[in-house]
């Protein structure tokens, strides 16, 4: 059997994620049918609540966007492009969640609509993804910092340069929060996690081809 961590050894971020995943797997296998149903219903309720809040928020503060069905479908499509792969990644390889470019959502929504809607949509998506990630508090903190920096970078850059600048800001935000949380628990940096964060920032550059693809599918245009 593989030893995950020895007695007296410091728990780094990677080991924490592995232990958390094993605990979740053990809990899911040991639950009875009634417990599984209860957890499923709770998750459905929370997901429904998030989408309901998003609808109320959008209908109140972004009436022009939410007045057209095409805009709503486009917005939900962008969200699902991030949420579904995140769920799959957590299910089969939760320790790779740092590699998921969640900030793609804010970049794409900001390009199609506006930055206020981009920030709020990102927050709602992060809330949904945090229901399944191993360390939800750290995940939410990292994503919110990266989202603020992403929105800031997009508001001060021309269209053709904003994707590169957004990727740089995302990487800086992730690294700062990751290092801060790492030094709160242990002084050892897991370079595998750092490498995944670099890949995450690089993956945000996929925003431009994805935006062009969605433009053709939905028949809308952006500044690109």
Protein backbone atom coordinates (compact mmCIF):
# COMPACT_ATOMS: atom_id res chain seq x y z
CA UNK A 1 0.00 0.00 0.00
CA UNK A 2 1.18 3.52 -0.80
CA UNK A 3 2.04 5.75 2.17
CA UNK A 4 0.50 9.17 1.68
CA UNK A 5 2.01 10.86 4.71
CA UNK A 6 4.14 9.63 7.59
CA UNK A 7 3.58 10.35 11.27
CA UNK A 8 4.94 13.76 12.23
CA UNK A 9 5.32 14.85 8.61
CA UNK A 10 4.00 18.28 7.64
CA UNK A 11 0.88 18.26 5.50
CA UNK A 12 1.42 20.25 2.30
CA UNK A 13 -1.27 21.29 -0.15
CA UNK A 14 -0.90 18.21 -2.32
CA UNK A 15 -1.12 15.79 0.61
CA UNK A 16 -4.11 17.69 1.97
CA UNK A 17 -5.96 17.35 -1.32
CA UNK A 18 -5.19 13.63 -1.49
CA UNK A 19 -6.36 13.04 2.09
CA UNK A 20 -9.48 15.11 1.48
CA UNK A 21 -10.28 13.16 -1.68
CA UNK A 22 -9.84 9.85 0.16
CA UNK A 23 -12.11 11.06 2.96
CA UNK A 24 -14.79 12.10 0.47
CA UNK A 25 -14.50 8.78 -1.34
CA UNK A 26 -14.73 6.83 1.93
CA UNK A 27 -17.71 8.90 3.05
CA UNK A 28 -19.52 8.40 -0.26
CA UNK A 29 -18.97 4.63 -0.15
CA UNK A 30 -20.02 4.28 3.46
CA UNK A 31 -23.22 6.29 3.09
CA UNK A 32 -26.53 4.50 3.09
CA UNK A 33 -29.16 5.00 0.41
CA UNK A 34 -30.98 7.58 2.53
CA UNK A 35 -27.76 9.49 3.17
CA UNK A 36 -26.90 9.55 -0.54
CA UNK A 37 -30.37 10.85 -1.37
CA UNK A 38 -30.07 13.53 1.29
CA UNK A 39 -26.71 14.71 -0.06
CA UNK A 40 -28.02 14.69 -3.63
CA UNK A 41 -31.10 16.73 -2.70
CA UNK A 42 -28.95 19.20 -0.76
CA UNK A 43 -26.65 19.66 -3.75
CA UNK A 44 -29.60 20.15 -6.10
CA UNK A 45 -31.06 22.73 -3.72
CA UNK A 46 -27.78 24.68 -3.51
CA UNK A 47 -27.31 24.64 -7.30
CA UNK A 48 -30.90 25.78 -7.80
CA UNK A 49 -30.42 28.53 -5.20
CA UNK A 50 -27.30 29.85 -6.95
CA UNK A 51 -29.01 29.96 -10.35
CA UNK A 52 -32.09 31.59 -8.81
CA UNK A 53 -29.94 34.29 -7.20
CA UNK A 54 -28.17 34.79 -10.50
CA UNK A 55 -31.51 35.24 -12.26
CA UNK A 56 -32.72 37.76 -9.69
CA UNK A 57 -29.45 39.66 -9.84
CA UNK A 58 -29.36 39.74 -13.64
CA UNK A 59 -33.01 40.70 -14.00
CA UNK A 60 -32.52 43.57 -11.57
CA UNK A 61 -29.14 45.00 -12.60
CA UNK A 62 -28.67 43.75 -16.17
CA UNK A 63 -32.17 43.99 -17.63
CA UNK A 64 -31.02 44.63 -21.19
CA UNK A 65 -28.86 41.51 -21.21
CA UNK A 66 -31.44 39.25 -19.58
CA UNK A 67 -34.25 40.61 -21.76
CA UNK A 68 -33.05 38.49 -24.70
CA UNK A 69 -33.18 34.71 -24.58
CA UNK A 70 -30.09 34.47 -26.79
CA UNK A 71 -28.04 36.36 -24.24
CA UNK A 72 -29.22 34.10 -21.41
CA UNK A 73 -28.39 30.95 -23.40
CA UNK A 74 -24.96 32.37 -24.29
CA UNK A 75 -24.26 33.25 -20.66
CA UNK A 76 -25.28 29.78 -19.44
CA UNK A 77 -23.23 28.14 -22.19
CA UNK A 78 -20.10 30.01 -21.09
CA UNK A 79 -20.74 29.00 -17.49
CA UNK A 80 -21.21 25.34 -18.37
CA UNK A 81 -18.01 25.38 -20.45
CA UNK A 82 -16.19 26.01 -17.17
CA UNK A 83 -18.37 24.28 -14.57
CA UNK A 84 -18.80 20.88 -16.25
CA UNK A 85 -15.07 20.30 -16.95
CA UNK A 86 -14.33 21.42 -13.38
CA UNK A 87 -16.78 18.85 -11.99
CA UNK A 88 -15.26 16.13 -14.19
CA UNK A 89 -11.74 17.10 -13.13
CA UNK A 90 -12.64 16.99 -9.44
CA UNK A 91 -14.36 13.63 -9.90
CA UNK A 92 -11.44 11.88 -11.59
CA UNK A 93 -8.34 13.91 -10.65
CA UNK A 94 -9.11 16.40 -7.90
CA UNK A 95 -5.44 17.22 -7.35
CA UNK A 96 -5.37 18.78 -10.85
CA UNK A 97 -8.03 21.38 -10.06
CA UNK A 98 -5.35 24.10 -10.00
CA UNK A 99 -4.98 23.54 -13.74
CA UNK A 100 -8.60 24.46 -14.52
CA UNK A 101 -8.74 27.96 -16.10
CA UNK A 102 -11.81 29.19 -14.25
CA UNK A 103 -11.03 32.83 -15.09
CA UNK A 104 -11.80 32.05 -18.73
CA UNK A 105 -15.40 32.64 -17.73
CA UNK A 106 -14.84 36.22 -16.61
CA UNK A 107 -12.80 37.00 -19.73
CA UNK A 108 -15.44 35.63 -22.10
CA UNK A 109 -18.43 37.17 -20.32
CA UNK A 110 -16.60 40.50 -20.13
CA UNK A 111 -15.90 40.36 -23.86
CA UNK A 112 -19.51 39.59 -24.82
CA UNK A 113 -21.31 41.75 -22.25
CA UNK A 114 -19.69 43.92 -19.57
CA UNK A 115 -17.20 43.60 -16.72
CA UNK A 116 -19.77 43.96 -13.93
CA UNK A 117 -21.69 40.99 -15.28
CA UNK A 118 -18.40 39.15 -15.81
CA UNK A 119 -17.46 39.52 -12.14
CA UNK A 120 -20.86 38.50 -10.78
CA UNK A 121 -21.15 35.51 -13.13
CA UNK A 122 -17.69 34.38 -12.11
CA UNK A 123 -18.67 34.58 -8.45
CA UNK A 124 -21.77 32.44 -9.05
CA UNK A 125 -19.73 29.88 -11.01
CA UNK A 126 -17.08 29.72 -8.28
CA UNK A 127 -19.82 29.10 -5.72
CA UNK A 128 -21.06 26.15 -7.76
CA UNK A 129 -17.61 24.65 -8.31
CA UNK A 130 -16.69 25.09 -4.63
CA UNK A 131 -19.39 22.55 -3.74
CA UNK A 132 -17.18 19.73 -5.01
CA UNK A 133 -13.54 20.87 -4.70
CA UNK A 134 -11.37 19.36 -1.93
CA UNK A 135 -10.47 22.67 -0.26
CA UNK A 136 -13.36 25.08 -0.95
CA UNK A 137 -12.15 28.00 1.19
CA UNK A 138 -8.75 28.20 -0.49
CA UNK A 139 -10.35 27.66 -3.89
CA UNK A 140 -12.85 30.49 -3.42
CA UNK A 141 -10.18 32.83 -2.07
CA UNK A 142 -7.83 32.14 -4.99
CA UNK A 143 -10.57 32.51 -7.60
CA UNK A 144 -11.91 35.77 -6.18
CA UNK A 145 -8.46 37.36 -6.11
CA UNK A 146 -7.74 36.17 -9.65
CA UNK A 147 -11.16 37.37 -10.82
CA UNK A 148 -10.67 40.88 -9.44
CA UNK A 149 -7.27 41.10 -11.14
CA UNK A 150 -8.71 39.72 -14.39
CA UNK A 151 -11.52 42.27 -14.49
CA UNK A 152 -9.07 45.04 -13.62
CA UNK A 153 -6.67 44.02 -16.39
CA UNK A 154 -9.46 43.90 -18.98
CA UNK A 155 -10.70 47.37 -18.08
CA UNK A 156 -7.34 48.99 -18.78
CA UNK A 157 -6.19 47.23 -21.95
CA UNK A 158 -6.99 47.29 -25.64
CA UNK A 159 -8.83 44.29 -27.04
CA UNK A 160 -5.88 42.65 -28.76
CA UNK A 161 -3.62 42.80 -25.70
CA UNK A 162 -6.06 42.11 -22.89
CA UNK A 163 -5.87 38.32 -23.12
CA UNK A 164 -2.11 38.25 -22.52
CA UNK A 165 -2.33 40.79 -19.73
CA UNK A 166 -5.26 38.93 -18.16
CA UNK A 167 -3.21 35.69 -18.19
CA UNK A 168 -0.33 37.46 -16.45
CA UNK A 169 -2.63 38.96 -13.80
CA UNK A 170 -4.30 35.57 -13.26
CA UNK A 171 -0.93 33.92 -12.69
CA UNK A 172 0.21 36.63 -10.29
CA UNK A 173 -3.03 36.40 -8.30
CA UNK A 174 -2.93 32.61 -8.09
CA UNK A 175 0.74 32.52 -7.05
CA UNK A 176 0.33 35.15 -4.35
CA UNK A 177 -2.63 33.40 -2.74
CA UNK A 178 -1.14 29.92 -3.17
CA UNK A 179 2.14 30.94 -1.54
CA UNK A 180 0.30 32.70 1.29
CA UNK A 181 -1.78 29.60 2.06
CA UNK A 182 1.29 27.39 1.72
CA UNK A 183 3.27 29.40 4.26
CA UNK A 184 0.30 29.33 6.63
CA UNK A 185 0.57 25.54 6.85
CA UNK A 186 4.12 24.65 5.79
CA UNK A 187 7.19 26.33 4.36
CA UNK A 188 7.52 23.78 1.55
CA UNK A 189 6.28 24.85 -1.87
CA UNK A 190 4.91 22.08 -4.09
CA UNK A 191 6.39 22.92 -7.49
CA UNK A 192 3.89 20.61 -9.17
CA UNK A 193 1.11 22.92 -8.00
CA UNK A 194 3.07 25.95 -9.18
CA UNK A 195 3.50 24.33 -12.59
CA UNK A 196 -0.24 23.67 -12.78
CA UNK A 197 -0.96 27.32 -11.96
CA UNK A 198 1.34 28.35 -14.81
CA UNK A 199 -0.57 26.02 -17.14
CA UNK A 200 -3.81 27.50 -15.81
CA UNK A 201 -2.68 30.98 -16.82
CA UNK A 202 -1.61 29.73 -20.26
CA UNK A 203 -4.98 28.04 -20.75
CA UNK A 204 -6.72 31.39 -20.24
CA UNK A 205 -5.29 32.36 -23.64
CA UNK A 206 -7.88 29.98 -25.10
CA UNK A 207 -10.39 32.77 -24.47
CA UNK A 208 -9.82 34.33 -27.88
CA UNK A 209 -10.54 31.22 -30.03
CA UNK A 210 -13.47 30.30 -27.78
CA UNK A 211 -14.95 33.78 -28.16
CA UNK A 212 -14.59 33.62 -31.94
CA UNK A 213 -16.29 30.21 -31.95
CA UNK A 214 -19.21 31.44 -29.80
CA UNK A 215 -19.57 34.51 -32.02
CA UNK A 216 -20.25 32.26 -35.00
CA UNK A 217 -22.57 29.93 -33.11
CA UNK A 218 -24.74 32.65 -31.54
CA UNK A 219 -24.44 35.26 -34.25
CA UNK A 220 -23.12 38.00 -31.98
CA UNK A 221 -20.07 40.22 -32.24
CA UNK A 222 -17.48 41.52 -29.80
CA UNK A 223 -14.63 44.00 -30.12
CA UNK A 224 -12.51 41.20 -31.58
